Amino acid sequence: METRTDAEPVGTAGGTGAEPPVTGAEQAGPAAGAVPGERRRPPVSLSPSRASDFMQCPLLYRFRVIDRLPEKPSPAATRGTLVHAVLERLFDAPAAERTAPRATGLLPGEWERLLSERPELAELFSGEEGEGTPGERLDRWLGEAERLVERWFTLEDPTRLEPAERELFVEAELESGLRLRGIIDRVDVAPTGEVRIVDYKTGKAPRPQYAEGALFQMTFYALVVWRLKGVLPRRLQLVYLGSGEVRTYDPVMADLERVERKLLALWEAIQEATRTGDWRPKPSKLCGWCDHQAVCPEFGGTPPPYPLQVHLPGSREPEQGRMSPS
């Protein structure tokens, strides 16, 4: 289970889901730093979250994918990971036993499992910030996760669902050579063969003017499924546990063609930035959530030396890494 960032504005485009287990420069994901001495490689694939990073701020994409700078875990992102794990695990039980008490009863065990995989998560509640003792803060945090899980039962009935896939890793290669990857929370297939793609969000549903990011993510998944299976998903469904809303969209082929063109244009821009080392910051309100202000020119910082060779326009030989321009 990858770290969820449903409630984190940075790099989520309205709450994009988890990152897949990819190779190359994206391998460790934004929460894990690069291994000292490890050779950095250019990006070789694109996921919804990393596409959203580049659209939000090219320099943020560089920090996460090229430099692989570490980021601190947050309570909101970790809660998203925990809730997703519980909703996935619940379907291991027979249909009649998929109740709210059983689901909430999975929370302590799933939290312990997360801690065993990522011991640093214990530090979320061990500092001096927040009210009460560390134990009290942890209890409140688990209580918030419990309410999100309980709210899901007011939106969907798991006793009537038999997912075809859960936490499905998908990957497809376009004619251009671009590889698209992602992890789909749930895939439902009707007896008639119609496919529904479902994504859980532990945050609140965005206002209409900010809903494009989540729809982009879901259409991305629909494109990959169509490329893999030759099936146009009948419905894209977003389940917002934070506000108790379900939003659906029924895509048509024109939607998939449009997002494919957008992805190809993004990938061309990413490749150009990779070659030249020119990763420009894009200031916005989301900068306040960014972990990388100390190395961002917009905040008076200096990015680390660029770890890839630079190919300047008109030059014959690649130059050694340089700083991105401010």
C-alpha atoms as a PDB file:
ATOM      1  CA  MET A   1       0.000   0.000   0.000  1.00  0.00           C
ATOM      2  CA  GLU A   2       1.547   3.306  -1.071  1.00  0.00           C
ATOM      3  CA  THR A   3       1.309   6.533   0.823  1.00  0.00           C
ATOM      4  CA  ARG A   4      -1.974   8.281   0.135  1.00  0.00           C
ATOM      5  CA  THR A   5      -2.188  12.021  -0.263  1.00  0.00           C
ATOM      6  CA  ASP A   6      -5.908  12.520  -0.645  1.00  0.00           C
ATOM      7  CA  ALA A   7      -5.947  15.393   1.820  1.00  0.00           C
ATOM      8  CA  GLU A   8      -2.670  16.941   0.700  1.00  0.00           C
ATOM      9  CA  PRO A   9      -2.822  19.706  -1.881  1.00  0.00           C
ATOM     10  CA  VAL A  10       0.755  19.331  -3.087  1.00  0.00           C
ATOM     11  CA  GLY A  11       1.005  17.105  -6.127  1.00  0.00           C
ATOM     12  CA  THR A  12      -2.416  15.571  -5.824  1.00  0.00           C
ATOM     13  CA  ALA A  13      -4.572  17.496  -8.268  1.00  0.00           C
ATOM     14  CA  GLY A  14      -7.574  17.259  -6.051  1.00  0.00           C
ATOM     15  CA  GLY A  15      -6.514  14.124  -4.234  1.00  0.00           C
ATOM     16  CA  THR A  16      -4.755  11.804  -6.588  1.00  0.00           C
ATOM     17  CA  GLY A  17      -4.194   8.327  -5.417  1.00  0.00           C
ATOM     18  CA  ALA A  18      -1.180   6.183  -4.781  1.00  0.00           C
ATOM     19  CA  GLU A  19       1.955   5.739  -6.766  1.00  0.00           C
ATOM     20  CA  PRO A  20       2.695   2.417  -8.453  1.00  0.00           C
ATOM     21  CA  PRO A  21       5.858   0.384  -7.929  1.00  0.00           C
ATOM     22  CA  VAL A  22       7.716   1.848 -10.889  1.00  0.00           C
ATOM     23  CA  THR A  23      11.325   1.676 -11.994  1.00  0.00           C
ATOM     24  CA  GLY A  24      13.824   4.338 -12.934  1.00  0.00           C
ATOM     25  CA  ALA A  25      13.758   7.801 -11.468  1.00  0.00           C
ATOM     26  CA  GLU A  26      10.259   7.401 -10.053  1.00  0.00           C
ATOM     27  CA  GLN A  27      11.020   4.217  -8.171  1.00  0.00           C
ATOM     28  CA  ALA A  28      10.931   5.257  -4.535  1.00  0.00           C
ATOM     29  CA  GLY A  29       8.111   7.758  -4.714  1.00  0.00           C
ATOM     30  CA  PRO A  30       8.039  11.201  -3.119  1.00  0.00           C
ATOM     31  CA  ALA A  31       8.203  10.077   0.505  1.00  0.00           C
ATOM     32  CA  ALA A  32      11.503   8.225   0.171  1.00  0.00           C
ATOM     33  CA  GLY A  33      14.820   9.904  -0.531  1.00  0.00           C
ATOM     34  CA  ALA A  34      17.349   8.689  -3.043  1.00  0.00           C
ATOM     35  CA  VAL A  35      19.898   6.096  -1.951  1.00  0.00           C
ATOM     36  CA  PRO A  36      23.315   7.757  -1.452  1.00  0.00           C
ATOM     37  CA  GLY A  37      25.596   7.087  -4.424  1.00  0.00           C
ATOM     38  CA  GLU A  38      22.774   5.713  -6.537  1.00  0.00           C
ATOM     39  CA  ARG A  39      22.940   6.640 -10.194  1.00  0.00           C
ATOM     40  CA  ARG A  40      20.052   8.864 -11.209  1.00  0.00           C
ATOM     41  CA  ARG A  41      18.209   8.074 -14.416  1.00  0.00           C
ATOM     42  CA  PRO A  42      15.808  10.081 -16.530  1.00  0.00           C
ATOM     43  CA  PRO A  43      12.106   9.390 -15.970  1.00  0.00           C
ATOM     44  CA  VAL A  44      10.726   6.561 -18.069  1.00  0.00           C
ATOM     45  CA  SER A  45       7.021   6.603 -17.234  1.00  0.00           C
ATOM     46  CA  LEU A  46       4.188   8.799 -16.092  1.00  0.00           C
ATOM     47  CA  SER A  47       1.587   8.287 -13.377  1.00  0.00           C
ATOM     48  CA  PRO A  48      -1.398  10.511 -12.520  1.00  0.00           C
ATOM     49  CA  SER A  49       0.329  11.956  -9.447  1.00  0.00           C
ATOM     50  CA  ARG A  50       3.560  12.773 -11.223  1.00  0.00           C
ATOM     51  CA  ALA A  51       1.692  14.284 -14.171  1.00  0.00           C
ATOM     52  CA  SER A  52      -0.170  16.448 -11.672  1.00  0.00           C
ATOM     53  CA  ASP A  53       3.123  17.414 -10.026  1.00  0.00           C
ATOM     54  CA  PHE A  54       4.500  18.707 -13.313  1.00  0.00           C
ATOM     55  CA  MET A  55       1.337  20.641 -14.099  1.00  0.00           C
ATOM     56  CA  GLN A  56       1.375  22.155 -10.616  1.00  0.00           C
ATOM     57  CA  CYS A  57       5.091  23.003 -10.588  1.00  0.00           C
ATOM     58  CA  PRO A  58       7.835  21.616 -12.859  1.00  0.00           C
ATOM     59  CA  LEU A  59      10.417  22.145 -10.108  1.00  0.00           C
ATOM     60  CA  LEU A  60       8.322  20.070  -7.705  1.00  0.00           C
ATOM     61  CA  TYR A  61       8.357  17.259 -10.280  1.00  0.00           C
ATOM     62  CA  ARG A  62      12.136  17.523 -10.471  1.00  0.00           C
ATOM     63  CA  PHE A  63      12.534  17.397  -6.689  1.00  0.00           C
ATOM     64  CA  ARG A  64      10.317  14.315  -6.438  1.00  0.00           C
ATOM     65  CA  VAL A  65      11.316  12.346  -9.534  1.00  0.00           C
ATOM     66  CA  ILE A  66      14.851  13.416 -10.501  1.00  0.00           C
ATOM     67  CA  ASP A  67      16.374  14.432  -7.152  1.00  0.00           C
ATOM     68  CA  ARG A  68      14.057  12.235  -5.104  1.00  0.00           C
ATOM     69  CA  LEU A  69      14.264  14.522  -2.117  1.00  0.00           C
ATOM     70  CA  PRO A  70      12.695  13.057   1.027  1.00  0.00           C
ATOM     71  CA  GLU A  71       9.384  14.385   2.295  1.00  0.00           C
ATOM     72  CA  LYS A  72       7.995  14.145   5.775  1.00  0.00           C
ATOM     73  CA  PRO A  73       4.927  11.937   6.223  1.00  0.00           C
ATOM     74  CA  SER A  74       1.810  13.825   7.242  1.00  0.00           C
ATOM     75  CA  PRO A  75      -1.091  12.696   9.427  1.00  0.00           C
ATOM     76  CA  ALA A  76      -3.575  13.318   6.593  1.00  0.00           C
ATOM     77  CA  ALA A  77      -1.638  11.345   3.984  1.00  0.00           C
ATOM     78  CA  THR A  78      -0.963   8.485   6.401  1.00  0.00           C
ATOM     79  CA  ARG A  79      -4.633   8.367   7.403  1.00  0.00           C
ATOM     80  CA  GLY A  80      -5.497   8.031   3.720  1.00  0.00           C
ATOM     81  CA  THR A  81      -3.123   5.092   3.406  1.00  0.00           C
ATOM     82  CA  LEU A  82      -4.648   3.437   6.477  1.00  0.00           C
ATOM     83  CA  VAL A  83      -8.268   3.872   5.356  1.00  0.00           C
ATOM     84  CA  HIS A  84      -7.495   2.560   1.871  1.00  0.00           C
ATOM     85  CA  ALA A  85      -5.842  -0.511   3.389  1.00  0.00           C
ATOM     86  CA  VAL A  86      -8.898  -1.231   5.523  1.00  0.00           C
ATOM     87  CA  LEU A  87     -11.340  -0.861   2.622  1.00  0.00           C
ATOM     88  CA  GLU A  88      -9.228  -3.172   0.506  1.00  0.00           C
ATOM     89  CA  ARG A  89      -8.844  -5.793   3.246  1.00  0.00           C
ATOM     90  CA  LEU A  90     -12.541  -5.813   4.100  1.00  0.00           C
ATOM     91  CA  PHE A  91     -13.350  -7.583   0.836  1.00  0.00           C
ATOM     92  CA  ASP A  92     -11.344 -10.600   2.036  1.00  0.00           C
ATOM     93  CA  ALA A  93     -14.347 -11.383   4.274  1.00  0.00           C
ATOM     94  CA  PRO A  94     -17.505 -13.104   3.007  1.00  0.00           C
ATOM     95  CA  ALA A  95     -20.119 -10.632   1.780  1.00  0.00           C
ATOM     96  CA  ALA A  96     -22.427 -10.995   4.776  1.00  0.00           C
ATOM     97  CA  GLU A  97     -19.574 -10.199   7.170  1.00  0.00           C
ATOM     98  CA  ARG A  98     -18.557  -6.926   5.549  1.00  0.00           C
ATOM     99  CA  THR A  99     -19.972  -4.727   8.273  1.00  0.00           C
ATOM    100  CA  ALA A 100     -18.928  -1.395   9.718  1.00  0.00           C
ATOM    101  CA  PRO A 101     -17.807  -2.925  13.047  1.00  0.00           C
ATOM    102  CA  ARG A 102     -15.661  -5.463  11.229  1.00  0.00           C
ATOM    103  CA  ALA A 103     -14.114  -2.725   9.068  1.00  0.00           C
ATOM    104  CA  THR A 104     -13.305  -0.419  11.978  1.00  0.00           C
ATOM    105  CA  GLY A 105     -11.943  -3.413  13.847  1.00  0.00           C
ATOM    106  CA  LEU A 106      -9.310  -3.752  11.126  1.00  0.00           C
ATOM    107  CA  LEU A 107      -7.866  -0.306  11.835  1.00  0.00           C
ATOM    108  CA  PRO A 108      -5.529  -1.180  14.765  1.00  0.00           C
ATOM    109  CA  GLY A 109      -4.017  -4.146  12.936  1.00  0.00           C
ATOM    110  CA  GLU A 110      -3.526  -2.217   9.705  1.00  0.00           C
ATOM    111  CA  TRP A 111      -1.922   0.629  11.639  1.00  0.00           C
ATOM    112  CA  GLU A 112       0.501  -1.792  13.266  1.00  0.00           C
ATOM    113  CA  ARG A 113       1.317  -3.212   9.847  1.00  0.00           C
ATOM    114  CA  LEU A 114       2.044   0.267   8.492  1.00  0.00           C
ATOM    115  CA  LEU A 115       4.290   0.977  11.469  1.00  0.00           C
ATOM    116  CA  SER A 116       6.233  -2.234  10.891  1.00  0.00           C
ATOM    117  CA  GLU A 117       6.789  -1.253   7.254  1.00  0.00           C
ATOM    118  CA  ARG A 118       7.552   2.412   7.995  1.00  0.00           C
ATOM    119  CA  PRO A 119       8.675   2.882  11.629  1.00  0.00           C
ATOM    120  CA  GLU A 120       9.190   6.611  11.028  1.00  0.00           C
ATOM    121  CA  LEU A 121       5.392   7.049  11.053  1.00  0.00           C
ATOM    122  CA  ALA A 122       5.483   6.754  14.851  1.00  0.00           C
ATOM    123  CA  GLU A 123       7.089  10.211  14.881  1.00  0.00           C
ATOM    124  CA  LEU A 124       3.812  11.729  13.653  1.00  0.00           C
ATOM    125  CA  PHE A 125       2.509  11.711  17.213  1.00  0.00           C
ATOM    126  CA  SER A 126       5.677  11.744  19.315  1.00  0.00           C
ATOM    127  CA  GLY A 127       6.560  15.443  19.071  1.00  0.00           C
ATOM    128  CA  GLU A 128       5.394  18.413  21.090  1.00  0.00           C
ATOM    129  CA  GLU A 129       2.984  19.760  18.463  1.00  0.00           C
ATOM    130  CA  GLY A 130      -0.735  19.376  19.022  1.00  0.00           C
ATOM    131  CA  GLU A 131      -2.882  19.077  22.108  1.00  0.00           C
ATOM    132  CA  GLY A 132      -2.575  16.259  24.610  1.00  0.00           C
ATOM    133  CA  THR A 133      -0.082  13.464  24.989  1.00  0.00           C
ATOM    134  CA  PRO A 134       1.241  11.461  22.014  1.00  0.00           C
ATOM    135  CA  GLY A 135      -1.148   8.663  22.938  1.00  0.00           C
ATOM    136  CA  GLU A 136      -4.106  11.023  23.005  1.00  0.00           C
ATOM    137  CA  ARG A 137      -3.148  12.479  19.619  1.00  0.00           C
ATOM    138  CA  LEU A 138      -2.885   8.991  18.160  1.00  0.00           C
ATOM    139  CA  ASP A 139      -6.298   8.067  19.557  1.00  0.00           C
ATOM    140  CA  ARG A 140      -7.881  11.167  17.994  1.00  0.00           C
ATOM    141  CA  TRP A 141      -6.221  10.402  14.685  1.00  0.00           C
ATOM    142  CA  LEU A 142      -7.457   6.798  14.723  1.00  0.00           C
ATOM    143  CA  GLY A 143     -10.906   8.080  15.664  1.00  0.00           C
ATOM    144  CA  GLU A 144     -10.913  10.291  12.557  1.00  0.00           C
ATOM    145  CA  ALA A 145      -9.951   7.291  10.431  1.00  0.00           C
ATOM    146  CA  GLU A 146     -12.754   5.286  12.044  1.00  0.00           C
ATOM    147  CA  ARG A 147     -15.331   7.938  11.152  1.00  0.00           C
ATOM    148  CA  LEU A 148     -14.160   7.914   7.529  1.00  0.00           C
ATOM    149  CA  VAL A 149     -14.509   4.137   7.356  1.00  0.00           C
ATOM    150  CA  GLU A 150     -17.976   4.273   8.922  1.00  0.00           C
ATOM    151  CA  ARG A 151     -19.067   6.972   6.474  1.00  0.00           C
ATOM    152  CA  TRP A 152     -18.192   4.705   3.559  1.00  0.00           C
ATOM    153  CA  PHE A 153     -21.024   2.400   4.584  1.00  0.00           C
ATOM    154  CA  THR A 154     -23.499   5.246   4.021  1.00  0.00           C
ATOM    155  CA  LEU A 155     -22.238   5.598   0.451  1.00  0.00           C
ATOM    156  CA  GLU A 156     -21.764   2.008  -0.720  1.00  0.00           C
ATOM    157  CA  ASP A 157     -22.956  -1.415   0.392  1.00  0.00           C
ATOM    158  CA  PRO A 158     -20.002  -3.824   0.362  1.00  0.00           C
ATOM    159  CA  THR A 159     -22.287  -6.806   0.945  1.00  0.00           C
ATOM    160  CA  ARG A 160     -23.555  -6.281  -2.626  1.00  0.00           C
ATOM    161  CA  LEU A 161     -20.150  -5.725  -4.213  1.00  0.00           C
ATOM    162  CA  GLU A 162     -17.698  -8.299  -5.529  1.00  0.00           C
ATOM    163  CA  PRO A 163     -14.791  -6.338  -6.973  1.00  0.00           C
ATOM    164  CA  ALA A 164     -13.023  -7.840  -9.944  1.00  0.00           C
ATOM    165  CA  GLU A 165      -9.809  -6.154  -8.805  1.00  0.00           C
ATOM    166  CA  ARG A 166      -8.528  -4.274  -5.775  1.00  0.00           C
ATOM    167  CA  GLU A 167      -5.412  -2.101  -5.684  1.00  0.00           C
ATOM    168  CA  LEU A 168      -4.790  -3.026  -9.316  1.00  0.00           C
ATOM    169  CA  PHE A 169      -1.444  -1.999 -10.780  1.00  0.00           C
ATOM    170  CA  VAL A 170      -1.881  -1.105 -14.442  1.00  0.00           C
ATOM    171  CA  GLU A 171       0.651  -0.187 -17.097  1.00  0.00           C
ATOM    172  CA  ALA A 172       0.306   0.507 -20.804  1.00  0.00           C
ATOM    173  CA  GLU A 173       2.661   1.818 -23.468  1.00  0.00           C
ATOM    174  CA  LEU A 174       1.503   4.302 -26.076  1.00  0.00           C
ATOM    175  CA  GLU A 175       2.670   4.285 -29.688  1.00  0.00           C
ATOM    176  CA  SER A 176       5.029   7.140 -28.799  1.00  0.00           C
ATOM    177  CA  GLY A 177       6.818   4.881 -26.294  1.00  0.00           C
ATOM    178  CA  LEU A 178       5.407   6.688 -23.246  1.00  0.00           C
ATOM    179  CA  ARG A 179       4.552   4.265 -20.465  1.00  0.00           C
ATOM    180  CA  LEU A 180       1.537   5.102 -18.329  1.00  0.00           C
ATOM    181  CA  ARG A 181       1.249   3.531 -14.870  1.00  0.00           C
ATOM    182  CA  GLY A 182      -1.048   3.711 -11.913  1.00  0.00           C
ATOM    183  CA  ILE A 183      -2.861   1.870  -9.147  1.00  0.00           C
ATOM    184  CA  ILE A 184      -6.647   1.654  -9.297  1.00  0.00           C
ATOM    185  CA  ASP A 185      -8.404   1.291  -5.951  1.00  0.00           C
ATOM    186  CA  ARG A 186     -11.223  -0.910  -7.223  1.00  0.00           C
ATOM    187  CA  VAL A 187     -12.520  -2.306 -10.492  1.00  0.00           C
ATOM    188  CA  ASP A 188     -16.102  -3.585 -10.671  1.00  0.00           C
ATOM    189  CA  VAL A 189     -17.299  -5.625 -13.650  1.00  0.00           C
ATOM    190  CA  ALA A 190     -21.010  -6.123 -14.267  1.00  0.00           C
ATOM    191  CA  PRO A 191     -22.371  -9.472 -15.537  1.00  0.00           C
ATOM    192  CA  THR A 192     -22.833  -7.711 -18.889  1.00  0.00           C
ATOM    193  CA  GLY A 193     -19.118  -6.897 -18.972  1.00  0.00           C
ATOM    194  CA  GLU A 194     -19.393  -3.182 -18.232  1.00  0.00           C
ATOM    195  CA  VAL A 195     -16.456  -1.840 -16.227  1.00  0.00           C
ATOM    196  CA  ARG A 196     -16.592   0.663 -13.373  1.00  0.00           C
ATOM    197  CA  ILE A 197     -13.407   2.249 -12.001  1.00  0.00           C
ATOM    198  CA  VAL A 198     -13.688   3.364  -8.364  1.00  0.00           C
ATOM    199  CA  ASP A 199     -11.341   5.612  -6.425  1.00  0.00           C
ATOM    200  CA  TYR A 200     -11.601   6.383  -2.696  1.00  0.00           C
ATOM    201  CA  LYS A 201     -10.778   9.883  -1.456  1.00  0.00           C
ATOM    202  CA  THR A 202     -10.407  10.541   2.248  1.00  0.00           C
ATOM    203  CA  GLY A 203     -10.644  14.275   1.674  1.00  0.00           C
ATOM    204  CA  LYS A 204     -13.707  16.349   0.845  1.00  0.00           C
ATOM    205  CA  ALA A 205     -15.152  16.660  -2.624  1.00  0.00           C
ATOM    206  CA  PRO A 206     -13.714  19.713  -4.383  1.00  0.00           C
ATOM    207  CA  ARG A 207     -15.856  22.567  -5.585  1.00  0.00           C
ATOM    208  CA  PRO A 208     -16.793  22.238  -9.266  1.00  0.00           C
ATOM    209  CA  GLN A 209     -14.111  24.679 -10.395  1.00  0.00           C
ATOM    210  CA  TYR A 210     -11.444  22.478  -8.778  1.00  0.00           C
ATOM    211  CA  ALA A 211     -12.793  19.073  -9.826  1.00  0.00           C
ATOM    212  CA  GLU A 212     -10.759  18.813 -13.026  1.00  0.00           C
ATOM    213  CA  GLY A 213      -7.748  17.253 -11.316  1.00  0.00           C
ATOM    214  CA  ALA A 214      -9.635  14.256  -9.956  1.00  0.00           C
ATOM    215  CA  LEU A 215     -11.385  13.737 -13.289  1.00  0.00           C
ATOM    216  CA  PHE A 216      -8.007  13.863 -15.046  1.00  0.00           C
ATOM    217  CA  GLN A 217      -6.774  11.055 -12.787  1.00  0.00           C
ATOM    218  CA  MET A 218      -9.808   8.891 -13.472  1.00  0.00           C
ATOM    219  CA  THR A 219      -9.691   9.479 -17.221  1.00  0.00           C
ATOM    220  CA  PHE A 220      -5.985   8.568 -17.081  1.00  0.00           C
ATOM    221  CA  TYR A 221      -6.984   5.221 -15.575  1.00  0.00           C
ATOM    222  CA  ALA A 222      -9.738   4.768 -18.161  1.00  0.00           C
ATOM    223  CA  LEU A 223      -7.199   5.355 -20.935  1.00  0.00           C
ATOM    224  CA  VAL A 224      -4.826   2.740 -19.511  1.00  0.00           C
ATOM    225  CA  VAL A 225      -7.642   0.183 -19.127  1.00  0.00           C
ATOM    226  CA  TRP A 226      -8.776   0.824 -22.688  1.00  0.00           C
ATOM    227  CA  ARG A 227      -5.226   0.411 -23.964  1.00  0.00           C
ATOM    228  CA  LEU A 228      -4.786  -2.831 -22.040  1.00  0.00           C
ATOM    229  CA  LYS A 229      -8.189  -4.456 -22.502  1.00  0.00           C
ATOM    230  CA  GLY A 230      -9.743  -2.662 -25.433  1.00  0.00           C
ATOM    231  CA  VAL A 231     -12.691  -1.824 -23.157  1.00  0.00           C
ATOM    232  CA  LEU A 232     -14.019   1.674 -22.555  1.00  0.00           C
ATOM    233  CA  PRO A 233     -14.982   1.852 -18.856  1.00  0.00           C
ATOM    234  CA  ARG A 234     -18.685   2.536 -18.497  1.00  0.00           C
ATOM    235  CA  ARG A 235     -18.347   4.631 -15.340  1.00  0.00           C
ATOM    236  CA  LEU A 236     -15.714   6.479 -13.322  1.00  0.00           C
ATOM    237  CA  GLN A 237     -16.666   6.812  -9.666  1.00  0.00           C
ATOM    238  CA  LEU A 238     -15.068   8.966  -6.983  1.00  0.00           C
ATOM    239  CA  VAL A 239     -16.052   8.227  -3.376  1.00  0.00           C
ATOM    240  CA  TYR A 240     -15.291  11.205  -1.127  1.00  0.00           C
ATOM    241  CA  LEU A 241     -15.286   9.984   2.466  1.00  0.00           C
ATOM    242  CA  GLY A 242     -14.445  13.375   3.915  1.00  0.00           C
ATOM    243  CA  SER A 243     -17.711  14.946   2.769  1.00  0.00           C
ATOM    244  CA  GLY A 244     -19.797  11.817   2.211  1.00  0.00           C
ATOM    245  CA  GLU A 245     -20.297  12.289  -1.521  1.00  0.00           C
ATOM    246  CA  VAL A 246     -20.127  10.052  -4.572  1.00  0.00           C
ATOM    247  CA  ARG A 247     -19.396  11.634  -7.924  1.00  0.00           C
ATOM    248  CA  THR A 248     -19.603   9.747 -11.196  1.00  0.00           C
ATOM    249  CA  TYR A 249     -18.682  10.392 -14.785  1.00  0.00           C
ATOM    250  CA  ASP A 250     -19.434   8.272 -17.835  1.00  0.00           C
ATOM    251  CA  PRO A 251     -16.541   8.757 -20.272  1.00  0.00           C
ATOM    252  CA  VAL A 252     -16.679   8.649 -24.052  1.00  0.00           C
ATOM    253  CA  MET A 253     -13.818   7.951 -26.451  1.00  0.00           C
ATOM    254  CA  ALA A 254     -13.303  11.662 -27.035  1.00  0.00           C
ATOM    255  CA  ASP A 255     -12.400  12.019 -23.328  1.00  0.00           C
ATOM    256  CA  LEU A 256      -9.699   9.367 -23.615  1.00  0.00           C
ATOM    257  CA  GLU A 257      -8.320  10.863 -26.812  1.00  0.00           C
ATOM    258  CA  ARG A 258      -8.214  14.289 -25.195  1.00  0.00           C
ATOM    259  CA  VAL A 259      -6.333  13.099 -22.098  1.00  0.00           C
ATOM    260  CA  GLU A 260      -3.904  11.128 -24.274  1.00  0.00           C
ATOM    261  CA  ARG A 261      -3.046  14.274 -26.233  1.00  0.00           C
ATOM    262  CA  LYS A 262      -2.558  16.133 -22.963  1.00  0.00           C
ATOM    263  CA  LEU A 263      -0.272  13.425 -21.596  1.00  0.00           C
ATOM    264  CA  LEU A 264       1.831  13.380 -24.763  1.00  0.00           C
ATOM    265  CA  ALA A 265       2.270  17.157 -24.545  1.00  0.00           C
ATOM    266  CA  LEU A 266       3.206  16.875 -20.859  1.00  0.00           C
ATOM    267  CA  TRP A 267       5.696  14.139 -21.559  1.00  0.00           C
ATOM    268  CA  GLU A 268       7.319  16.188 -24.325  1.00  0.00           C
ATOM    269  CA  ALA A 269       7.707  19.084 -21.884  1.00  0.00           C
ATOM    270  CA  ILE A 270       9.124  16.758 -19.198  1.00  0.00           C
ATOM    271  CA  GLN A 271      11.633  15.302 -21.646  1.00  0.00           C
ATOM    272  CA  GLU A 272      12.729  18.788 -22.711  1.00  0.00           C
ATOM    273  CA  ALA A 273      13.207  19.854 -19.086  1.00  0.00           C
ATOM    274  CA  THR A 274      15.129  16.634 -18.412  1.00  0.00           C
ATOM    275  CA  ARG A 275      17.491  17.298 -21.324  1.00  0.00           C
ATOM    276  CA  THR A 276      18.119  20.960 -20.521  1.00  0.00           C
ATOM    277  CA  GLY A 277      17.884  20.889 -16.731  1.00  0.00           C
ATOM    278  CA  ASP A 278      15.460  23.811 -16.958  1.00  0.00           C
ATOM    279  CA  TRP A 279      12.853  23.134 -14.273  1.00  0.00           C
ATOM    280  CA  ARG A 280      10.999  26.350 -13.497  1.00  0.00           C
ATOM    281  CA  PRO A 281       9.159  26.905 -10.225  1.00  0.00           C
ATOM    282  CA  LYS A 282       5.491  27.794 -10.586  1.00  0.00           C
ATOM    283  CA  PRO A 283       4.375  29.748  -7.520  1.00  0.00           C
ATOM    284  CA  SER A 284       0.839  29.182  -6.281  1.00  0.00           C
ATOM    285  CA  LYS A 285      -1.163  28.940  -3.066  1.00  0.00           C
ATOM    286  CA  LEU A 286      -0.062  25.305  -2.857  1.00  0.00           C
ATOM    287  CA  CYS A 287       3.525  26.389  -2.153  1.00  0.00           C
ATOM    288  CA  GLY A 288       2.586  26.680   1.515  1.00  0.00           C
ATOM    289  CA  TRP A 289       2.219  22.896   1.663  1.00  0.00           C
ATOM    290  CA  CYS A 290       5.521  22.110  -0.052  1.00  0.00           C
ATOM    291  CA  ASP A 291       8.337  20.388   1.851  1.00  0.00           C
ATOM    292  CA  HIS A 292      10.983  21.837  -0.453  1.00  0.00           C
ATOM    293  CA  GLN A 293      10.842  25.576   0.257  1.00  0.00           C
ATOM    294  CA  ALA A 294      14.421  25.514   1.601  1.00  0.00           C
ATOM    295  CA  VAL A 295      15.770  24.578  -1.862  1.00  0.00           C
ATOM    296  CA  CYS A 296      13.263  26.541  -3.942  1.00  0.00           C
ATOM    297  CA  PRO A 297      14.381  29.803  -5.612  1.00  0.00           C
ATOM    298  CA  GLU A 298      10.965  31.321  -4.918  1.00  0.00           C
ATOM    299  CA  PHE A 299      11.808  31.140  -1.201  1.00  0.00           C
ATOM    300  CA  GLY A 300      15.431  32.172  -1.518  1.00  0.00           C
ATOM    301  CA  GLY A 301      16.755  28.620  -1.707  1.00  0.00           C
ATOM    302  CA  THR A 302      19.102  26.929  -4.166  1.00  0.00           C
ATOM    303  CA  PRO A 303      18.216  23.593  -5.761  1.00  0.00           C
ATOM    304  CA  PRO A 304      20.762  20.788  -5.377  1.00  0.00           C
ATOM    305  CA  PRO A 305      23.177  20.190  -8.275  1.00  0.00           C
ATOM    306  CA  TYR A 306      21.330  18.649 -11.187  1.00  0.00           C
ATOM    307  CA  PRO A 307      22.205  14.933 -11.178  1.00  0.00           C
ATOM    308  CA  LEU A 308      21.685  14.293 -14.917  1.00  0.00           C
ATOM    309  CA  GLN A 309      23.694  15.336 -17.937  1.00  0.00           C
ATOM    310  CA  VAL A 310      22.462  18.509 -19.581  1.00  0.00           C
ATOM    311  CA  HIS A 311      22.009  18.827 -23.337  1.00  0.00           C
ATOM    312  CA  LEU A 312      21.860  22.502 -24.211  1.00  0.00           C
ATOM    313  CA  PRO A 313      20.289  23.555 -27.518  1.00  0.00           C
ATOM    314  CA  GLY A 314      22.931  23.648 -30.246  1.00  0.00           C
ATOM    315  CA  SER A 315      25.592  21.878 -28.182  1.00  0.00           C
ATOM    316  CA  ARG A 316      27.271  18.688 -29.363  1.00  0.00           C
ATOM    317  CA  GLU A 317      28.434  17.285 -26.057  1.00  0.00           C
ATOM    318  CA  PRO A 318      26.296  16.970 -22.925  1.00  0.00           C
ATOM    319  CA  GLU A 319      27.375  19.145 -20.015  1.00  0.00           C
ATOM    320  CA  GLN A 320      27.639  18.047 -16.437  1.00  0.00           C
ATOM    321  CA  GLY A 321      24.697  18.792 -14.179  1.00  0.00           C
ATOM    322  CA  ARG A 322      23.997  22.401 -13.343  1.00  0.00           C
ATOM    323  CA  MET A 323      21.553  24.327 -11.207  1.00  0.00           C
ATOM    324  CA  SER A 324      18.099  25.017 -12.520  1.00  0.00           C
ATOM    325  CA  PRO A 325      17.611  28.713 -13.295  1.00  0.00           C
ATOM    326  CA  SER A 326      15.694  30.660 -10.699  1.00  0.00           C
END
